[in-house]
Amino acid sequence: MTISMEKPLVLAGDIGGTKTNLGLFSENEDRPVLKVMETFSSSDVPDLEHIIRKFLDMHPSAISRACFGIAGPVIDGKSKTTNLPWRVSQDRIKKQFSFQHVRIVNDLAATAMAVPLLNADEFYPLNQADGAKGGHLGLIAPGTGLGIAMMLHHEDRYVPISSEGGHSDFAPNNELEADLWRYLHRRYGHVSIERVVSGTGLVNIYDWLRNAGRVNESEGFNQKLNETDPAKAITDGALTIKDSACIEALEMFVSIFGAVAGNFALFGLTTGGIFLGGGISPKILPKLKEDIFMKAFVNKGRFRGFLEKIPVKVILNDKAALIGAAVCALSERS
């Protein structure tokens, strides 16, 4: 399908370890407007260029600017994706497709760019705090991996700051979590937060609870784990089937997630708010609505009162990273 519009279009991408979304956006006064989007399996192709080429074959358009949010560190316009065997180069993409401007940014930085542009109904608040006007914003997003980014408020605008904080050390808060840490340490050596707060992390928690004999696995559930996405199976087991082992795993996941988010709020002094993104947060919203997450979030001793004043919101718009990449692309001017 050929896209023909009066306003010039930009190409935006959200590249994750599981799937890649590409979209064409036009400029608008409030925020970029999505015209068409396609989703591709990231693991089915050897590199990002294959997906771009396929997308442009499907939607031939005159593109001069593009930005891609990548799940991995971006240094000097290049990225080695964390959960894919890809090496992405903005210069190589620019040359292959004759684009005038190309940028690659961390996917959480892209999502962070979209946060100030989202409407109130695109969030679900987990508390009733108002937050500080002009305060820094924090974004933490579990999915295939764990992304963490900030929006620093400077001279009346927000500046996105990416990080690889998901690979920092997991710090247990009690004996139960310490036992989980020991299990993961024997398995992985270094135990990062991502080993616990991510899709793989949820599976790691379930495996430990089962192998340690702390829960009784339902008959036939192990086969289900092997036949489908295990993180999805555990989530569905907890929220839909009400399986006791899955509930225990998900509640432990949510508690650790809350503690990690609280730590991040302290590190970044994110008085403007903490935002929960990624593929997992909206899917486990029923469990996040309970008090498990917020109890862990504010449980920081003398700084409990400080954290109680920070708004915590779940991002409901699953295209936030794509919108942010479009904002980035539109900011690239001749």
Protein backbone atom coordinates (compact mmCIF):
# COMPACT_ATOMS: atom_id res chain seq x y z
CA MET A 1 0.00 0.00 0.00
CA THR A 2 1.42 3.38 -0.99
CA ILE A 3 1.05 6.12 1.62
CA SER A 4 0.48 9.53 0.08
CA MET A 5 0.14 12.47 2.45
CA GLU A 6 0.61 16.23 2.18
CA LYS A 7 2.74 16.29 5.31
CA PRO A 8 6.12 14.50 5.09
CA LEU A 9 6.31 11.17 6.87
CA VAL A 10 8.99 9.82 9.19
CA LEU A 11 9.80 6.19 9.90
CA ALA A 12 9.86 5.14 13.56
CA GLY A 13 10.84 1.81 15.07
CA ASP A 14 10.56 0.05 18.42
CA ILE A 15 13.00 -2.85 18.35
CA GLY A 16 12.68 -5.37 21.16
CA GLY A 17 14.09 -8.80 21.82
CA THR A 18 10.80 -10.46 20.89
CA LYS A 19 9.13 -8.20 18.34
CA THR A 20 9.83 -5.14 16.22
CA ASN A 21 7.22 -2.48 15.48
CA LEU A 22 7.73 -0.09 12.58
CA GLY A 23 5.41 2.80 11.82
CA LEU A 24 4.99 5.83 9.59
CA PHE A 25 4.11 9.08 11.35
CA SER A 26 3.15 12.56 10.24
CA GLU A 27 3.89 15.69 12.24
CA ASN A 28 1.13 17.25 14.31
CA GLU A 29 0.89 20.13 16.78
CA ASP A 30 0.34 17.92 19.84
CA ARG A 31 2.26 14.76 19.00
CA PRO A 32 3.12 12.66 15.93
CA VAL A 33 0.18 10.91 14.27
CA LEU A 34 0.54 7.22 13.40
CA LYS A 35 -0.52 6.45 9.82
CA VAL A 36 0.39 2.78 9.51
CA MET A 37 2.19 0.21 11.65
CA GLU A 38 3.43 -3.33 11.20
CA THR A 39 4.76 -5.84 13.74
CA PHE A 40 7.51 -8.35 12.93
CA SER A 41 9.13 -11.18 14.86
CA SER A 42 12.64 -9.99 15.73
CA SER A 43 14.14 -13.48 15.91
CA ASP A 44 13.05 -14.45 12.39
CA VAL A 45 15.54 -12.20 10.58
CA PRO A 46 19.31 -11.65 10.76
CA ASP A 47 19.21 -7.86 11.13
CA LEU A 48 17.04 -4.75 11.32
CA GLU A 49 17.63 -3.87 7.67
CA HIS A 50 15.64 -6.93 6.57
CA ILE A 51 12.62 -5.69 8.52
CA ILE A 52 12.93 -2.11 7.22
CA ARG A 53 13.12 -3.37 3.65
CA LYS A 54 10.07 -5.59 4.11
CA PHE A 55 8.11 -2.75 5.70
CA LEU A 56 8.92 -0.31 2.89
CA ASP A 57 7.97 -2.96 0.32
CA MET A 58 4.59 -3.15 2.03
CA HIS A 59 4.23 0.64 2.39
CA PRO A 60 6.28 2.48 -0.27
CA SER A 61 6.83 6.05 0.93
CA ALA A 62 9.17 8.96 0.47
CA ILE A 63 11.11 8.87 3.75
CA SER A 64 13.91 11.27 4.63
CA ARG A 65 14.07 10.87 8.42
CA ALA A 66 13.97 7.83 10.69
CA CYS A 67 14.59 6.93 14.32
CA PHE A 68 14.72 3.48 15.90
CA GLY A 69 14.47 2.69 19.61
CA ILE A 70 16.76 -0.27 20.29
CA ALA A 71 16.66 -2.62 23.29
CA GLY A 72 20.33 -2.20 24.13
CA PRO A 73 23.04 0.39 24.74
CA VAL A 74 23.64 2.90 21.94
CA ILE A 75 27.15 4.32 21.64
CA ASP A 76 28.32 6.53 18.75
CA GLY A 77 25.29 5.61 16.67
CA LYS A 78 25.84 1.87 17.03
CA SER A 79 24.23 -0.82 19.16
CA LYS A 80 24.78 -4.50 19.91
CA THR A 81 21.30 -5.58 20.94
CA THR A 82 21.15 -7.26 24.36
CA ASN A 83 18.66 -10.05 23.60
CA LEU A 84 19.26 -10.40 19.85
CA PRO A 85 22.40 -11.20 17.82
CA TRP A 86 22.12 -7.90 15.92
CA ARG A 87 24.60 -5.09 15.38
CA VAL A 88 22.72 -1.95 14.40
CA SER A 89 24.39 1.09 12.83
CA GLN A 90 22.58 4.31 12.03
CA ASP A 91 25.15 5.16 9.35
CA ARG A 92 24.66 1.80 7.64
CA ILE A 93 20.88 2.20 7.65
CA LYS A 94 21.20 5.74 6.33
CA LYS A 95 23.39 4.56 3.47
CA GLN A 96 21.36 1.46 2.54
CA PHE A 97 18.03 3.29 2.36
CA SER A 98 19.27 6.74 1.29
CA PHE A 99 17.63 8.44 4.26
CA GLN A 100 18.71 12.01 4.97
CA HIS A 101 18.72 11.61 8.75
CA VAL A 102 18.81 8.45 10.87
CA ARG A 103 19.13 8.08 14.62
CA ILE A 104 19.13 5.05 16.84
CA VAL A 105 18.42 5.54 20.53
CA ASN A 106 17.85 3.26 23.49
CA ASP A 107 14.25 2.01 23.43
CA LEU A 108 13.57 3.29 26.94
CA ALA A 109 14.88 6.72 25.98
CA ALA A 110 12.40 6.61 23.09
CA THR A 111 9.56 5.70 25.46
CA ALA A 112 10.64 8.45 27.83
CA MET A 113 10.34 11.00 25.02
CA ALA A 114 6.69 10.04 24.65
CA VAL A 115 5.73 10.20 28.35
CA PRO A 116 5.17 13.99 28.53
CA LEU A 117 2.97 13.77 25.41
CA LEU A 118 0.61 11.04 26.63
CA ASN A 119 -2.90 11.88 27.82
CA ALA A 120 -4.25 11.18 31.29
CA ASP A 121 -6.34 8.25 30.03
CA GLU A 122 -3.17 6.59 28.71
CA PHE A 123 -1.96 6.01 32.27
CA TYR A 124 -3.29 4.09 35.25
CA PRO A 125 -2.27 5.72 38.57
CA LEU A 126 -1.25 3.34 41.35
CA ASN A 127 -1.39 6.11 43.96
CA GLN A 128 -2.88 9.59 44.34
CA ALA A 129 0.31 11.63 44.63
CA ASP A 130 0.51 14.81 42.54
CA GLY A 131 4.25 15.02 42.03
CA ALA A 132 6.44 18.09 41.70
CA LYS A 133 5.97 20.36 38.71
CA GLY A 134 9.15 20.24 36.65
CA GLY A 135 10.44 17.26 38.61
CA HIS A 136 12.52 14.55 36.99
CA LEU A 137 10.64 11.54 35.58
CA GLY A 138 11.68 7.89 35.85
CA LEU A 139 10.72 5.05 33.55
CA ILE A 140 11.14 1.36 34.36
CA ALA A 141 9.92 -1.23 31.88
CA PRO A 142 10.07 -5.02 32.25
CA GLY A 143 9.61 -7.04 29.07
CA THR A 144 11.99 -9.50 27.41
CA GLY A 145 14.61 -7.62 29.44
CA LEU A 146 14.44 -4.71 31.88
CA GLY A 147 14.76 -1.16 30.62
CA ILE A 148 15.38 1.89 32.80
CA ALA A 149 15.56 5.53 31.68
CA MET A 150 14.99 9.05 32.96
CA MET A 151 13.66 12.35 31.72
CA LEU A 152 15.64 15.15 33.37
CA HIS A 153 13.90 18.50 33.54
CA HIS A 154 16.24 21.25 32.32
CA GLU A 155 15.43 24.77 31.14
CA ASP A 156 11.68 24.10 30.74
CA ARG A 157 12.10 20.91 28.76
CA TYR A 158 12.72 17.22 29.38
CA VAL A 159 15.99 15.59 28.32
CA PRO A 160 15.93 11.77 27.93
CA ILE A 161 18.72 9.87 29.66
CA SER A 162 19.14 6.20 28.80
CA SER A 163 20.82 3.63 31.04
CA GLU A 164 21.62 -0.04 31.40
CA GLY A 165 20.45 -0.04 35.01
CA GLY A 166 18.59 -3.31 34.48
CA HIS A 167 21.96 -5.06 34.59
CA SER A 168 22.93 -3.67 37.99
CA ASP A 169 22.91 -5.94 41.04
CA PHE A 170 19.71 -7.44 42.43
CA ALA A 171 19.52 -6.62 46.15
CA PRO A 172 17.36 -8.98 48.25
CA ASN A 173 15.16 -7.37 50.92
CA ASN A 174 14.39 -10.43 53.05
CA GLU A 175 15.41 -14.04 53.66
CA LEU A 176 13.06 -15.36 50.98
CA GLU A 177 14.59 -13.08 48.36
CA ALA A 178 18.07 -13.94 49.65
CA ASP A 179 17.33 -17.63 48.97
CA LEU A 180 16.17 -16.67 45.46
CA TRP A 181 19.44 -14.73 44.99
CA ARG A 182 21.49 -17.79 46.02
CA TYR A 183 19.60 -19.97 43.55
CA LEU A 184 20.20 -17.50 40.72
CA HIS A 185 23.82 -16.95 41.73
CA ARG A 186 24.49 -20.68 41.36
CA ARG A 187 22.77 -20.59 37.98
CA TYR A 188 24.12 -17.36 36.46
CA GLY A 189 26.99 -16.08 38.58
CA HIS A 190 26.14 -12.39 38.50
CA VAL A 191 22.52 -11.78 39.49
CA SER A 192 21.23 -8.64 37.82
CA ILE A 193 17.83 -7.04 38.42
CA GLU A 194 16.87 -8.21 34.91
CA ARG A 195 17.29 -11.83 36.04
CA VAL A 196 14.32 -11.21 38.36
CA VAL A 197 12.27 -8.32 36.95
CA SER A 198 11.59 -9.35 33.35
CA GLY A 199 9.73 -12.09 31.52
CA THR A 200 12.65 -14.44 32.10
CA GLY A 201 12.79 -13.19 35.68
CA LEU A 202 9.20 -14.24 36.37
CA VAL A 203 10.04 -17.71 35.04
CA ASN A 204 13.19 -17.78 37.22
CA ILE A 205 11.10 -16.99 40.30
CA TYR A 206 8.58 -19.72 39.45
CA ASP A 207 11.35 -22.27 38.80
CA TRP A 208 12.97 -21.49 42.15
CA LEU A 209 9.71 -21.72 44.09
CA ARG A 210 8.98 -25.08 42.43
CA ASN A 211 12.47 -26.54 42.70
CA ALA A 212 12.81 -25.42 46.33
CA GLY A 213 9.54 -27.15 47.18
CA ARG A 214 7.88 -23.91 48.27
CA VAL A 215 4.92 -24.41 45.92
CA ASN A 216 3.11 -27.40 44.47
CA GLU A 217 2.91 -27.28 40.69
CA SER A 218 -0.50 -28.06 39.21
CA GLU A 219 -0.76 -31.26 37.23
CA GLY A 220 0.19 -30.74 33.61
CA PHE A 221 1.42 -27.18 34.13
CA ASN A 222 5.06 -28.03 33.40
CA GLN A 223 4.00 -29.28 29.96
CA LYS A 224 2.17 -26.00 29.39
CA LEU A 225 5.33 -24.07 30.28
CA ASN A 226 7.23 -26.04 27.64
CA GLU A 227 4.60 -25.61 24.94
CA THR A 228 4.02 -21.85 25.16
CA ASP A 229 5.64 -18.62 26.37
CA PRO A 230 6.34 -19.59 30.00
CA ALA A 231 6.08 -16.03 31.36
CA LYS A 232 2.67 -15.64 29.72
CA ALA A 233 1.59 -19.04 31.04
CA ILE A 234 2.54 -18.06 34.60
CA THR A 235 0.81 -14.69 34.29
CA ASP A 236 -2.35 -16.27 32.91
CA GLY A 237 -2.13 -18.93 35.59
CA ALA A 238 -2.06 -16.27 38.30
CA LEU A 239 -4.62 -13.82 36.93
CA THR A 240 -7.09 -16.07 35.10
CA ILE A 241 -6.80 -19.63 36.36
CA LYS A 242 -5.95 -18.53 39.93
CA ASP A 243 -3.26 -21.19 40.22
CA SER A 244 -1.67 -20.89 43.68
CA ALA A 245 1.92 -21.48 42.50
CA CYS A 246 1.59 -18.90 39.73
CA ILE A 247 0.02 -16.41 42.14
CA GLU A 248 2.94 -16.83 44.55
CA ALA A 249 5.48 -16.29 41.74
CA LEU A 250 3.71 -13.22 40.36
CA GLU A 251 3.25 -11.64 43.78
CA MET A 252 6.96 -12.07 44.54
CA PHE A 253 7.75 -10.57 41.13
CA VAL A 254 5.51 -7.55 41.81
CA SER A 255 7.02 -6.98 45.26
CA ILE A 256 10.58 -6.99 43.89
CA PHE A 257 9.46 -4.79 40.98
CA GLY A 258 8.09 -2.27 43.49
CA ALA A 259 11.29 -2.27 45.53
CA VAL A 260 13.41 -1.75 42.40
CA ALA A 261 11.16 1.13 41.27
CA GLY A 262 11.48 2.73 44.71
CA ASN A 263 15.27 2.45 44.55
CA PHE A 264 15.24 4.09 41.12
CA ALA A 265 13.05 6.93 42.42
CA LEU A 266 15.67 7.60 45.10
CA PHE A 267 18.63 7.37 42.71
CA GLY A 268 17.06 9.82 40.26
CA LEU A 269 15.06 12.01 42.69
CA THR A 270 12.16 11.47 40.30
CA THR A 271 9.77 13.82 42.07
CA GLY A 272 7.77 14.25 38.84
CA GLY A 273 6.79 10.59 38.80
CA ILE A 274 7.73 6.98 38.17
CA PHE A 275 6.21 5.39 35.06
CA LEU A 276 5.90 1.65 34.54
CA GLY A 277 6.20 0.61 30.91
CA GLY A 278 7.25 -2.39 28.87
CA GLY A 279 5.18 -5.31 27.73
CA ILE A 280 4.60 -6.78 31.19
CA SER A 281 3.31 -3.86 33.29
CA PRO A 282 -0.09 -3.40 31.59
CA LYS A 283 -0.59 -7.16 31.40
CA ILE A 284 -0.25 -7.57 35.17
CA LEU A 285 -2.23 -4.42 36.00
CA PRO A 286 -4.77 -6.32 38.16
CA LYS A 287 -1.93 -7.42 40.44
CA LEU A 288 -0.23 -3.99 40.36
CA LYS A 289 -3.51 -2.45 41.54
CA GLU A 290 -3.20 -4.43 44.78
CA ASP A 291 -1.04 -3.00 47.56
CA ILE A 292 1.95 -5.33 47.01
CA PHE A 293 3.79 -3.03 44.59
CA MET A 294 3.24 0.23 46.47
CA LYS A 295 4.12 -1.29 49.84
CA ALA A 296 7.50 -2.34 48.45
CA PHE A 297 7.92 0.97 46.60
CA VAL A 298 7.68 3.15 49.74
CA ASN A 299 9.43 0.72 52.12
CA LYS A 300 12.63 2.75 52.34
CA GLY A 301 12.90 3.56 56.03
CA ARG A 302 13.36 7.27 56.70
CA PHE A 303 12.49 8.12 53.08
CA ARG A 304 9.06 6.52 53.14
CA GLY A 305 7.37 9.93 53.33
CA PHE A 306 9.42 11.20 50.39
CA LEU A 307 8.38 8.26 48.20
CA GLU A 308 4.73 8.56 49.18
CA LYS A 309 4.69 11.94 47.42
CA ILE A 310 5.91 10.52 44.09
CA PRO A 311 3.16 9.54 41.61
CA VAL A 312 3.44 6.05 40.15
CA LYS A 313 1.63 5.37 36.89
CA VAL A 314 1.34 2.43 34.50
CA ILE A 315 1.67 3.35 30.81
CA LEU A 316 -1.32 1.87 28.99
CA ASN A 317 -0.38 2.98 25.47
CA ASP A 318 1.61 0.10 23.97
CA LYS A 319 2.90 2.36 21.19
CA ALA A 320 4.68 4.82 23.52
CA ALA A 321 8.16 3.77 22.38
CA LEU A 322 7.11 4.13 18.74
CA ILE A 323 5.67 7.60 19.40
CA GLY A 324 8.89 8.62 21.13
CA ALA A 325 10.97 7.38 18.20
CA ALA A 326 8.77 9.45 15.88
CA VAL A 327 9.34 12.52 18.09
CA CYS A 328 13.07 11.85 17.78
CA ALA A 329 12.86 11.47 13.98
CA LEU A 330 10.87 14.70 13.62
CA SER A 331 13.47 16.57 15.67
CA GLU A 332 16.09 15.75 13.03
CA ARG A 333 16.06 18.75 10.70
CA SER A 334 18.11 19.57 7.67
